Amino acid sequence: MNLVLERPYRKNLTSYGLIYMGGEEREISIKDLSLTGVLAEVKCDQVNSRDVKDIFNMLSASTTIDLYLPEMRLAGEAEVVRVDMLSDHMSLALEFRNISYDVDNQLYKRKVHRKNMKAPGKILLNGEYREFTTVNVSVDGLMVNLVEAIDVKAGEVTVFEFDQLGLDGEIKVIWAERTADTGTLLGLQYVHMEKTAIKGIPRFAR
């Protein structure tokens, strides 16, 4: 008996999106979609010969890129599994790796993209530096988790350090809530920073 293993069903469609690759956001056209990934095109007017070299150098180090498909309310990370350079566009086969679908439509309402990232940092609260772990990061601020219960008021301005992205400076507490495991979750907004210069974090602004 012959077994035929078929790839997941792919639906042809015309849509658009954004990728963050080579330190830049680039518009993409979506040509087909499946449960596991998408086939996307980047127009050649967005990609010059230097860009192509930079892109291939970047992909040799890491094939994971950030992806945002606003019409489908999908955002997260995808792996580049194939790149084809054609006469008028670059074709990318992308496989979903860490994708969120927001059924409450919050992705659609947010002004900028939030990248899921788990990394350590420090924040000064109640006269003492406290260690935190990020939940997500954007060009506007951070969501962080502290393992201890801390009384913090919304509107408080303090200082922080986040080495993974080379960030430090003043930050404002937008909201605070206790977690089920007696920790504290904080929504933080940068105060004195050049937000658009945060390397490695796409804006994906609507």
C-alpha atoms as a PDB file:
ATOM      1  CA  MET A   1       0.000   0.000   0.000  1.00  0.00           C
ATOM      2  CA  ASN A   2       1.341   3.420  -0.932  1.00  0.00           C
ATOM      3  CA  LEU A   3       1.055   6.186   1.609  1.00  0.00           C
ATOM      4  CA  VAL A   4       0.864   9.753   0.351  1.00  0.00           C
ATOM      5  CA  LEU A   5       1.756  12.419   2.912  1.00  0.00           C
ATOM      6  CA  GLU A   6       0.134  15.690   1.909  1.00  0.00           C
ATOM      7  CA  ARG A   7       1.180  19.096   3.102  1.00  0.00           C
ATOM      8  CA  PRO A   8      -1.430  21.099   5.060  1.00  0.00           C
ATOM      9  CA  TYR A   9      -4.150  22.633   2.909  1.00  0.00           C
ATOM     10  CA  ARG A  10      -3.119  26.064   1.631  1.00  0.00           C
ATOM     11  CA  LYS A  11      -5.708  28.687   0.753  1.00  0.00           C
ATOM     12  CA  ASN A  12      -4.915  31.170  -2.004  1.00  0.00           C
ATOM     13  CA  LEU A  13      -5.690  34.726  -0.991  1.00  0.00           C
ATOM     14  CA  THR A  14      -4.584  38.307  -1.396  1.00  0.00           C
ATOM     15  CA  SER A  15      -3.720  40.059   1.830  1.00  0.00           C
ATOM     16  CA  TYR A  16      -0.931  42.131   3.287  1.00  0.00           C
ATOM     17  CA  GLY A  17       1.282  42.216   6.340  1.00  0.00           C
ATOM     18  CA  LEU A  18       4.574  43.338   7.805  1.00  0.00           C
ATOM     19  CA  ILE A  19       7.787  41.523   8.642  1.00  0.00           C
ATOM     20  CA  TYR A  20      10.739  42.732  10.698  1.00  0.00           C
ATOM     21  CA  MET A  21      13.895  41.459   9.053  1.00  0.00           C
ATOM     22  CA  GLY A  22      17.421  42.800   8.801  1.00  0.00           C
ATOM     23  CA  GLY A  23      16.615  45.525  11.331  1.00  0.00           C
ATOM     24  CA  GLU A  24      13.830  46.969   9.169  1.00  0.00           C
ATOM     25  CA  GLU A  25      10.092  46.641   8.770  1.00  0.00           C
ATOM     26  CA  ARG A  26       9.058  45.553   5.278  1.00  0.00           C
ATOM     27  CA  GLU A  27       5.618  45.288   3.698  1.00  0.00           C
ATOM     28  CA  ILE A  28       4.659  41.875   2.366  1.00  0.00           C
ATOM     29  CA  SER A  29       1.888  40.504   0.179  1.00  0.00           C
ATOM     30  CA  ILE A  30       0.381  37.204   1.319  1.00  0.00           C
ATOM     31  CA  LYS A  31      -0.186  34.761  -1.534  1.00  0.00           C
ATOM     32  CA  ASP A  32      -1.409  31.704   0.351  1.00  0.00           C
ATOM     33  CA  LEU A  33      -2.046  30.653   3.924  1.00  0.00           C
ATOM     34  CA  SER A  34      -2.189  27.352   5.787  1.00  0.00           C
ATOM     35  CA  LEU A  35      -2.424  26.284   9.419  1.00  0.00           C
ATOM     36  CA  THR A  36       1.373  26.068   9.527  1.00  0.00           C
ATOM     37  CA  GLY A  37       2.529  29.117   7.596  1.00  0.00           C
ATOM     38  CA  VAL A  38       2.276  31.560   4.702  1.00  0.00           C
ATOM     39  CA  LEU A  39       3.854  32.268   1.348  1.00  0.00           C
ATOM     40  CA  ALA A  40       4.767  35.959   1.193  1.00  0.00           C
ATOM     41  CA  GLU A  41       6.270  38.317  -1.363  1.00  0.00           C
ATOM     42  CA  VAL A  42       8.461  41.376  -0.856  1.00  0.00           C
ATOM     43  CA  LYS A  43       8.473  43.730  -3.849  1.00  0.00           C
ATOM     44  CA  CYS A  44      11.881  44.450  -5.344  1.00  0.00           C
ATOM     45  CA  ASP A  45      11.403  48.195  -4.929  1.00  0.00           C
ATOM     46  CA  GLN A  46      11.792  47.516  -1.195  1.00  0.00           C
ATOM     47  CA  VAL A  47      14.903  45.389  -1.645  1.00  0.00           C
ATOM     48  CA  ASN A  48      18.147  46.561  -3.267  1.00  0.00           C
ATOM     49  CA  SER A  49      21.298  44.495  -3.857  1.00  0.00           C
ATOM     50  CA  ARG A  50      22.788  45.528  -0.529  1.00  0.00           C
ATOM     51  CA  ASP A  51      19.562  44.577   1.254  1.00  0.00           C
ATOM     52  CA  VAL A  52      19.633  41.131  -0.343  1.00  0.00           C
ATOM     53  CA  LYS A  53      23.167  40.528   0.922  1.00  0.00           C
ATOM     54  CA  ASP A  54      22.231  41.782   4.404  1.00  0.00           C
ATOM     55  CA  ILE A  55      19.102  39.616   4.446  1.00  0.00           C
ATOM     56  CA  PHE A  56      20.980  36.458   3.515  1.00  0.00           C
ATOM     57  CA  ASN A  57      23.683  37.241   6.104  1.00  0.00           C
ATOM     58  CA  MET A  58      20.973  37.747   8.707  1.00  0.00           C
ATOM     59  CA  LEU A  59      19.216  34.493   7.784  1.00  0.00           C
ATOM     60  CA  SER A  60      22.497  32.585   8.034  1.00  0.00           C
ATOM     61  CA  ALA A  61      22.643  33.637  11.701  1.00  0.00           C
ATOM     62  CA  SER A  62      18.944  33.220  12.512  1.00  0.00           C
ATOM     63  CA  THR A  63      15.969  32.265  10.352  1.00  0.00           C
ATOM     64  CA  THR A  64      13.403  33.565  12.857  1.00  0.00           C
ATOM     65  CA  ILE A  65      11.668  36.858  12.017  1.00  0.00           C
ATOM     66  CA  ASP A  66       8.760  38.882  13.410  1.00  0.00           C
ATOM     67  CA  LEU A  67       5.492  38.754  11.493  1.00  0.00           C
ATOM     68  CA  TYR A  68       2.273  40.786  11.685  1.00  0.00           C
ATOM     69  CA  LEU A  69      -0.874  40.068   9.658  1.00  0.00           C
ATOM     70  CA  PRO A  70      -3.418  42.723  10.757  1.00  0.00           C
ATOM     71  CA  GLU A  71      -6.392  41.511   8.684  1.00  0.00           C
ATOM     72  CA  MET A  72      -6.063  38.046  10.253  1.00  0.00           C
ATOM     73  CA  ARG A  73      -5.154  39.439  13.702  1.00  0.00           C
ATOM     74  CA  LEU A  74      -2.023  37.282  13.830  1.00  0.00           C
ATOM     75  CA  ALA A  75       1.283  38.422  15.299  1.00  0.00           C
ATOM     76  CA  GLY A  76       4.435  36.725  16.525  1.00  0.00           C
ATOM     77  CA  GLU A  77       7.419  34.869  15.129  1.00  0.00           C
ATOM     78  CA  ALA A  78       7.889  32.803  11.988  1.00  0.00           C
ATOM     79  CA  GLU A  79      10.784  30.827  10.533  1.00  0.00           C
ATOM     80  CA  VAL A  80      11.999  31.506   7.000  1.00  0.00           C
ATOM     81  CA  VAL A  81      12.191  28.045   5.405  1.00  0.00           C
ATOM     82  CA  ARG A  82      12.781  29.154   1.787  1.00  0.00           C
ATOM     83  CA  VAL A  83      13.846  32.310  -0.047  1.00  0.00           C
ATOM     84  CA  ASP A  84      13.503  32.751  -3.822  1.00  0.00           C
ATOM     85  CA  MET A  85      14.742  35.836  -5.680  1.00  0.00           C
ATOM     86  CA  LEU A  86      12.636  36.499  -8.769  1.00  0.00           C
ATOM     87  CA  SER A  87      12.695  39.313 -11.325  1.00  0.00           C
ATOM     88  CA  ASP A  88      10.247  41.602  -9.563  1.00  0.00           C
ATOM     89  CA  HIS A  89       9.997  40.266  -6.024  1.00  0.00           C
ATOM     90  CA  MET A  90      11.506  38.140  -3.290  1.00  0.00           C
ATOM     91  CA  SER A  91       9.400  35.135  -2.273  1.00  0.00           C
ATOM     92  CA  LEU A  92       9.469  33.942   1.348  1.00  0.00           C
ATOM     93  CA  ALA A  93       8.042  30.674   2.656  1.00  0.00           C
ATOM     94  CA  LEU A  94       7.319  31.298   6.344  1.00  0.00           C
ATOM     95  CA  GLU A  95       6.468  28.689   8.959  1.00  0.00           C
ATOM     96  CA  PHE A  96       4.668  29.801  12.125  1.00  0.00           C
ATOM     97  CA  ARG A  97       6.704  29.345  15.324  1.00  0.00           C
ATOM     98  CA  ASN A  98       5.285  31.548  18.091  1.00  0.00           C
ATOM     99  CA  ILE A  99       2.087  33.120  16.800  1.00  0.00           C
ATOM    100  CA  SER A 100      -0.752  34.711  18.752  1.00  0.00           C
ATOM    101  CA  TYR A 101      -4.306  35.076  17.525  1.00  0.00           C
ATOM    102  CA  ASP A 102      -6.189  37.607  19.623  1.00  0.00           C
ATOM    103  CA  VAL A 103      -9.858  36.628  19.791  1.00  0.00           C
ATOM    104  CA  ASP A 104     -10.597  39.754  21.846  1.00  0.00           C
ATOM    105  CA  ASN A 105      -9.291  41.940  18.999  1.00  0.00           C
ATOM    106  CA  GLN A 106      -6.653  43.548  21.231  1.00  0.00           C
ATOM    107  CA  LEU A 107      -3.929  43.077  18.612  1.00  0.00           C
ATOM    108  CA  TYR A 108      -6.024  45.117  16.228  1.00  0.00           C
ATOM    109  CA  LYS A 109      -6.613  47.909  18.751  1.00  0.00           C
ATOM    110  CA  ARG A 110      -3.025  48.271  19.977  1.00  0.00           C
ATOM    111  CA  LYS A 111      -1.044  51.137  18.487  1.00  0.00           C
ATOM    112  CA  VAL A 112       2.201  49.161  18.214  1.00  0.00           C
ATOM    113  CA  HIS A 113       3.228  45.522  18.225  1.00  0.00           C
ATOM    114  CA  ARG A 114       4.216  43.768  21.463  1.00  0.00           C
ATOM    115  CA  LYS A 115       6.907  41.136  21.070  1.00  0.00           C
ATOM    116  CA  ASN A 116       6.783  38.201  23.473  1.00  0.00           C
ATOM    117  CA  MET A 117      10.146  38.130  25.214  1.00  0.00           C
ATOM    118  CA  LYS A 118      11.236  36.535  28.489  1.00  0.00           C
ATOM    119  CA  ALA A 119      14.394  38.159  29.864  1.00  0.00           C
ATOM    120  CA  PRO A 120      15.621  39.574  33.202  1.00  0.00           C
ATOM    121  CA  GLY A 121      15.905  43.198  34.265  1.00  0.00           C
ATOM    122  CA  LYS A 122      15.797  45.505  37.290  1.00  0.00           C
ATOM    123  CA  ILE A 123      13.463  48.292  38.392  1.00  0.00           C
ATOM    124  CA  LEU A 124      13.694  50.663  41.354  1.00  0.00           C
ATOM    125  CA  LEU A 125      10.576  50.404  43.511  1.00  0.00           C
ATOM    126  CA  ASN A 126      10.064  51.595  47.087  1.00  0.00           C
ATOM    127  CA  GLY A 127      13.736  52.542  47.379  1.00  0.00           C
ATOM    128  CA  GLU A 128      15.089  49.136  46.312  1.00  0.00           C
ATOM    129  CA  TYR A 129      16.048  47.552  43.004  1.00  0.00           C
ATOM    130  CA  ARG A 130      13.740  44.616  42.260  1.00  0.00           C
ATOM    131  CA  GLU A 131      14.403  41.937  39.669  1.00  0.00           C
ATOM    132  CA  PHE A 132      11.784  41.361  36.995  1.00  0.00           C
ATOM    133  CA  THR A 133      11.202  39.125  33.992  1.00  0.00           C
ATOM    134  CA  THR A 134       9.680  40.636  30.879  1.00  0.00           C
ATOM    135  CA  VAL A 135       6.448  39.217  29.466  1.00  0.00           C
ATOM    136  CA  ASN A 136       6.428  41.318  26.309  1.00  0.00           C
ATOM    137  CA  VAL A 137       8.295  44.309  24.913  1.00  0.00           C
ATOM    138  CA  SER A 138       7.332  47.091  22.509  1.00  0.00           C
ATOM    139  CA  VAL A 139       8.839  50.350  21.304  1.00  0.00           C
ATOM    140  CA  ASP A 140       6.564  52.107  23.813  1.00  0.00           C
ATOM    141  CA  GLY A 141       7.159  50.060  26.955  1.00  0.00           C
ATOM    142  CA  LEU A 142       7.311  46.728  28.762  1.00  0.00           C
ATOM    143  CA  MET A 143       5.089  44.294  30.575  1.00  0.00           C
ATOM    144  CA  VAL A 144       7.066  42.716  33.404  1.00  0.00           C
ATOM    145  CA  ASN A 145       6.514  40.184  36.138  1.00  0.00           C
ATOM    146  CA  LEU A 146       7.952  40.404  39.668  1.00  0.00           C
ATOM    147  CA  VAL A 147       8.016  37.290  41.835  1.00  0.00           C
ATOM    148  CA  GLU A 148       7.094  39.303  44.938  1.00  0.00           C
ATOM    149  CA  ALA A 149       4.022  41.302  45.886  1.00  0.00           C
ATOM    150  CA  ILE A 150       4.812  45.030  45.722  1.00  0.00           C
ATOM    151  CA  ASP A 151       2.551  48.002  46.401  1.00  0.00           C
ATOM    152  CA  VAL A 152       2.949  50.274  43.389  1.00  0.00           C
ATOM    153  CA  LYS A 153       0.752  53.163  42.313  1.00  0.00           C
ATOM    154  CA  ALA A 154      -0.125  53.898  38.708  1.00  0.00           C
ATOM    155  CA  GLY A 155       1.606  57.079  37.574  1.00  0.00           C
ATOM    156  CA  GLU A 156       4.801  56.498  39.537  1.00  0.00           C
ATOM    157  CA  VAL A 157       7.968  57.329  37.596  1.00  0.00           C
ATOM    158  CA  THR A 158      11.116  55.382  38.395  1.00  0.00           C
ATOM    159  CA  VAL A 159      14.255  53.970  36.720  1.00  0.00           C
ATOM    160  CA  PHE A 160      14.998  50.576  35.206  1.00  0.00           C
ATOM    161  CA  GLU A 161      17.668  48.482  33.473  1.00  0.00           C
ATOM    162  CA  PHE A 162      17.072  45.920  30.740  1.00  0.00           C
ATOM    163  CA  ASP A 163      20.389  44.590  29.462  1.00  0.00           C
ATOM    164  CA  GLN A 164      19.112  42.311  26.702  1.00  0.00           C
ATOM    165  CA  LEU A 165      18.066  45.315  24.619  1.00  0.00           C
ATOM    166  CA  GLY A 166      20.581  47.719  26.157  1.00  0.00           C
ATOM    167  CA  LEU A 167      17.836  49.857  27.701  1.00  0.00           C
ATOM    168  CA  ASP A 168      17.913  51.977  30.831  1.00  0.00           C
ATOM    169  CA  GLY A 169      16.422  55.257  32.002  1.00  0.00           C
ATOM    170  CA  GLU A 170      13.146  56.510  33.388  1.00  0.00           C
ATOM    171  CA  ILE A 171       9.947  54.529  33.093  1.00  0.00           C
ATOM    172  CA  LYS A 172       6.360  55.123  34.207  1.00  0.00           C
ATOM    173  CA  VAL A 173       4.054  52.622  35.882  1.00  0.00           C
ATOM    174  CA  ILE A 174       0.830  52.587  33.849  1.00  0.00           C
ATOM    175  CA  TRP A 175      -0.892  49.798  35.765  1.00  0.00           C
ATOM    176  CA  ALA A 176      -0.114  47.167  38.411  1.00  0.00           C
ATOM    177  CA  GLU A 177      -1.903  44.003  39.473  1.00  0.00           C
ATOM    178  CA  ARG A 178      -1.254  41.010  41.703  1.00  0.00           C
ATOM    179  CA  THR A 179      -0.831  37.585  40.122  1.00  0.00           C
ATOM    180  CA  ALA A 180      -2.244  34.267  41.321  1.00  0.00           C
ATOM    181  CA  ASP A 181       1.189  33.177  42.571  1.00  0.00           C
ATOM    182  CA  THR A 182       1.540  36.282  44.821  1.00  0.00           C
ATOM    183  CA  GLY A 183       3.715  38.125  42.323  1.00  0.00           C
ATOM    184  CA  THR A 184       3.169  41.506  40.682  1.00  0.00           C
ATOM    185  CA  LEU A 185       2.510  42.271  37.021  1.00  0.00           C
ATOM    186  CA  LEU A 186       3.404  45.774  35.806  1.00  0.00           C
ATOM    187  CA  GLY A 187       2.635  47.680  32.636  1.00  0.00           C
ATOM    188  CA  LEU A 188       5.450  50.173  32.065  1.00  0.00           C
ATOM    189  CA  GLN A 189       5.902  53.044  29.607  1.00  0.00           C
ATOM    190  CA  TYR A 190       9.232  54.598  28.634  1.00  0.00           C
ATOM    191  CA  VAL A 191       9.627  58.232  29.685  1.00  0.00           C
ATOM    192  CA  HIS A 192      13.037  59.490  28.549  1.00  0.00           C
ATOM    193  CA  MET A 193      14.057  57.235  25.679  1.00  0.00           C
ATOM    194  CA  GLU A 194      14.330  57.279  21.899  1.00  0.00           C
ATOM    195  CA  LYS A 195      11.697  54.603  21.432  1.00  0.00           C
ATOM    196  CA  THR A 196      12.089  54.138  17.687  1.00  0.00           C
ATOM    197  CA  ALA A 197      15.777  53.214  18.113  1.00  0.00           C
ATOM    198  CA  ILE A 198      15.189  49.990  20.038  1.00  0.00           C
ATOM    199  CA  LYS A 199      17.076  47.436  17.986  1.00  0.00           C
ATOM    200  CA  GLY A 200      15.330  44.124  17.438  1.00  0.00           C
ATOM    201  CA  ILE A 201      11.796  45.277  18.310  1.00  0.00           C
ATOM    202  CA  PRO A 202       9.403  46.084  15.439  1.00  0.00           C
ATOM    203  CA  ARG A 203       6.889  48.905  15.703  1.00  0.00           C
ATOM    204  CA  PHE A 204       4.238  47.395  13.392  1.00  0.00           C
ATOM    205  CA  ALA A 205       2.128  50.491  14.035  1.00  0.00           C
ATOM    206  CA  ARG A 206      -1.408  50.728  12.689  1.00  0.00           C
END
